[in-house]
Every structure is written in structure tokens, then in C-alpha cells.
C-alpha atoms as a PDB file:
ATOM      1  CA  MET A   1     113.918-170.155-131.651  1.00  0.00           C
ATOM      2  CA  ILE A   2     113.185-166.441-131.553  1.00  0.00           C
ATOM      3  CA  ASP A   3     110.142-167.060-129.357  1.00  0.00           C
ATOM      4  CA  TYR A   4     112.318-168.831-126.795  1.00  0.00           C
ATOM      5  CA  ILE A   5     114.817-165.989-126.774  1.00  0.00           C
ATOM      6  CA  GLU A   6     111.992-163.608-125.864  1.00  0.00           C
ATOM      7  CA  LEU A   7     111.079-165.866-122.946  1.00  0.00           C
ATOM      8  CA  TYR A   8     114.708-166.006-121.752  1.00  0.00           C
ATOM      9  CA  VAL A   9     114.951-162.221-121.796  1.00  0.00           C
ATOM     10  CA  GLN A  10     111.686-161.965-119.905  1.00  0.00           C
ATOM     11  CA  TRP A  11     112.908-164.491-117.329  1.00  0.00           C
ATOM     12  CA  GLY A  12     116.089-162.446-116.860  1.00  0.00           C
ATOM     13  CA  PHE A  13     114.112-159.248-116.294  1.00  0.00           C
ATOM     14  CA  LEU A  14     111.865-161.086-113.836  1.00  0.00           C
ATOM     15  CA  VAL A  15     114.866-162.312-111.846  1.00  0.00           C
ATOM     16  CA  LEU A  16     116.499-158.879-111.857  1.00  0.00           C
ATOM     17  CA  PHE A  17     113.512-156.677-111.098  1.00  0.00           C
ATOM     18  CA  GLY A  18     111.110-159.109-109.377  1.00  0.00           C
ATOM     19  CA  SER A  19     112.137-158.040-105.896  1.00  0.00           C
ATOM     20  CA  ALA A  20     111.912-154.323-106.727  1.00  0.00           C
ATOM     21  CA  PHE A  21     108.447-154.569-108.292  1.00  0.00           C
ATOM     22  CA  PRO A  22     106.562-157.690-107.103  1.00  0.00           C
ATOM     23  CA  CYS A  23     103.782-157.180-109.651  1.00  0.00           C
ATOM     24  CA  THR A  24     106.178-158.207-112.441  1.00  0.00           C
ATOM     25  CA  THR A  25     105.406-161.886-111.839  1.00  0.00           C
ATOM     26  CA  PHE A  26     101.744-161.259-112.655  1.00  0.00           C
ATOM     27  CA  LEU A  27     102.682-159.172-115.694  1.00  0.00           C
ATOM     28  CA  ALA A  28     105.078-161.889-116.889  1.00  0.00           C
ATOM     29  CA  PHE A  29     102.351-164.507-116.497  1.00  0.00           C
ATOM     30  CA  ALA A  30      99.884-162.337-118.424  1.00  0.00           C
ATOM     31  CA  THR A  31     102.326-161.653-121.270  1.00  0.00           C
ATOM     32  CA  ASN A  32     103.285-165.342-121.459  1.00  0.00           C
ATOM     33  CA  PHE A  33      99.600-166.258-121.678  1.00  0.00           C
ATOM     34  CA  ILE A  34      99.026-163.740-124.465  1.00  0.00           C
ATOM     35  CA  GLU A  35     102.214-164.852-126.246  1.00  0.00           C
ATOM     36  CA  THR A  36     101.140-168.494-126.067  1.00  0.00           C
ATOM     37  CA  ARG A  37      97.721-167.706-127.516  1.00  0.00           C
ATOM     38  CA  THR A  38      99.091-165.581-130.361  1.00  0.00           C
ATOM     39  CA  ASP A  39     101.744-168.195-131.225  1.00  0.00           C
ATOM     40  CA  GLY A  40      99.066-170.886-131.239  1.00  0.00           C
ATOM     41  CA  ALA A  41      96.880-168.825-133.549  1.00  0.00           C
ATOM     42  CA  LYS A  42      99.886-168.191-135.799  1.00  0.00           C
ATOM     43  CA  LEU A  43     100.674-171.910-135.985  1.00  0.00           C
ATOM     44  CA  PHE A  44      97.032-172.789-136.608  1.00  0.00           C
ATOM     45  CA  ASN A  45      96.359-170.221-139.314  1.00  0.00           C
ATOM     46  CA  ASP A  46      99.663-169.490-141.028  1.00  0.00           C
ATOM     47  CA  TYR A  47     101.497-172.814-140.981  1.00  0.00           C
ATOM     48  CA  ARG A  48      98.830-175.272-142.035  1.00  0.00           C
ATOM     49  CA  ARG A  49      99.707-178.054-144.422  1.00  0.00           C
ATOM     50  CA  VAL A  50      98.542-177.633-147.950  1.00  0.00           C
ATOM     51  CA  LEU A  51      95.361-179.485-148.818  1.00  0.00           C
ATOM     52  CA  PRO A  52      95.970-181.896-151.685  1.00  0.00           C
ATOM     53  CA  ASN A  53      94.053-181.467-154.918  1.00  0.00           C
ATOM     54  CA  GLN A  54      92.629-184.547-156.558  1.00  0.00           C
ATOM     55  CA  VAL A  55      94.038-185.198-159.998  1.00  0.00           C
ATOM     56  CA  PHE A  56      91.904-186.918-162.607  1.00  0.00           C
ATOM     57  CA  TRP A  57      94.681-189.051-164.086  1.00  0.00           C
ATOM     58  CA  CYS A  58      98.429-188.834-164.520  1.00  0.00           C
ATOM     59  CA  SER A  59      98.115-188.981-168.267  1.00  0.00           C
ATOM     60  CA  GLY A  60     101.087-186.763-169.050  1.00  0.00           C
ATOM     61  CA  PHE A  61     103.556-188.915-167.169  1.00  0.00           C
ATOM     62  CA  LEU A  62     101.983-192.123-168.439  1.00  0.00           C
ATOM     63  CA  VAL A  63     102.152-191.008-172.072  1.00  0.00           C
ATOM     64  CA  PHE A  64     105.783-189.953-171.599  1.00  0.00           C
ATOM     65  CA  TRP A  65     106.691-193.264-169.949  1.00  0.00           C
ATOM     66  CA  CYS A  66     104.875-195.427-172.507  1.00  0.00           C
ATOM     67  CA  SER A  67     106.432-193.572-175.410  1.00  0.00           C
ATOM     68  CA  GLY A  68     109.863-194.100-173.870  1.00  0.00           C
ATOM     69  CA  VAL A  69     109.201-197.817-173.503  1.00  0.00           C
ATOM     70  CA  LEU A  70     108.030-198.067-177.102  1.00  0.00           C
ATOM     71  CA  VAL A  71     111.102-196.218-178.365  1.00  0.00           C
ATOM     72  CA  PHE A  72     113.352-198.509-176.335  1.00  0.00           C
ATOM     73  CA  TYR A  73     111.778-201.663-177.749  1.00  0.00           C
ATOM     74  CA  ALA A  74     111.790-200.292-181.290  1.00  0.00           C
ATOM     75  CA  ARG A  75     115.491-199.423-181.041  1.00  0.00           C
ATOM     76  CA  SER A  76     116.352-202.807-179.548  1.00  0.00           C
ATOM     77  CA  LEU A  77     114.507-204.563-182.380  1.00  0.00           C
ATOM     78  CA  ALA A  78     116.210-202.393-184.986  1.00  0.00           C
ATOM     79  CA  PHE A  79     119.729-202.916-183.637  1.00  0.00           C
ATOM     80  CA  MET A  80     119.396-206.613-182.860  1.00  0.00           C
ATOM     81  CA  GLY A  81     117.933-207.585-186.191  1.00  0.00           C
ATOM     82  CA  SER A  82     115.212-210.065-186.870  1.00  0.00           C
ATOM     83  CA  GLN A  83     117.427-213.178-186.696  1.00  0.00           C
ATOM     84  CA  ALA A  84     118.812-212.390-183.263  1.00  0.00           C
ATOM     85  CA  TRP A  85     115.347-211.526-182.024  1.00  0.00           C
ATOM     86  CA  SER A  86     113.843-214.779-183.316  1.00  0.00           C
ATOM     87  CA  ARG A  87     116.718-216.738-181.717  1.00  0.00           C
ATOM     88  CA  ILE A  88     115.999-215.102-178.323  1.00  0.00           C
ATOM     89  CA  VAL A  89     112.286-215.837-178.659  1.00  0.00           C
ATOM     90  CA  ASP A  90     112.990-219.459-179.595  1.00  0.00           C
ATOM     91  CA  GLN A  91     115.267-219.862-176.573  1.00  0.00           C
ATOM     92  CA  ARG A  92     112.570-218.475-174.286  1.00  0.00           C
ATOM     93  CA  ILE A  93     109.973-220.811-175.736  1.00  0.00           C
ATOM     94  CA  GLU A  94     112.287-223.814-175.288  1.00  0.00           C
ATOM     95  CA  ASN A  95     112.950-222.808-171.691  1.00  0.00           C
ATOM     96  CA  CYS A  96     109.237-222.561-171.000  1.00  0.00           C
ATOM     97  CA  VAL A  97     108.480-225.902-172.631  1.00  0.00           C
ATOM     98  CA  THR A  98     111.270-227.808-170.878  1.00  0.00           C
ATOM     99  CA  ASN A  99     110.424-226.376-167.462  1.00  0.00           C
END
């Protein structure tokens, strides 16, 4: 936005003083050309996207996730008890056999 404000100010000076000094149109064109080139170089060099680095494997997240799953299943087995667990397994087997 700041770059556009500079161009608006330059346009205002060109309108005000263009008739008094006709060479201002050439100077405005030259400065706009230089400004465009420097802004392009700034965008090309300073604001590039970051190049991604290749990661070997997401082992940290996978170990964390798998350990959480194991803890969840261990707690569910502990709180449900062996009888409730065997009843659920039997129901699943019956559903598979009948379907």
C-alpha cells in the first residue's frame, strides 16, 4: 500500500507542476520505471516462499499417536472387565456370522 501512496503523490506533483516544467513527465516515467524494477527485485529476492525440507519419517508423531491408542485400549479393557469384553466380542462374531 505504501508503494501506491508514493505513486499517488507523484501523480499529484505531475498534475500540479507538469505545465510549469514539461520535463517532469519524462522524470516521472523514469522514476516509475526504476521503482517498478526495484519493487520486482524486492519481491523476487526478499519475499520468496520457503523451500520445504524433506523429512525422513514422522516417527515422533507416530510414536506419540500409537502410544495414545495403546493407552486408550488398555484403559478400556481394564475398566470394562474381561466378561464385558468377551460379551462384546461374541456379539460381533454373531453379527458377522449371521450377515
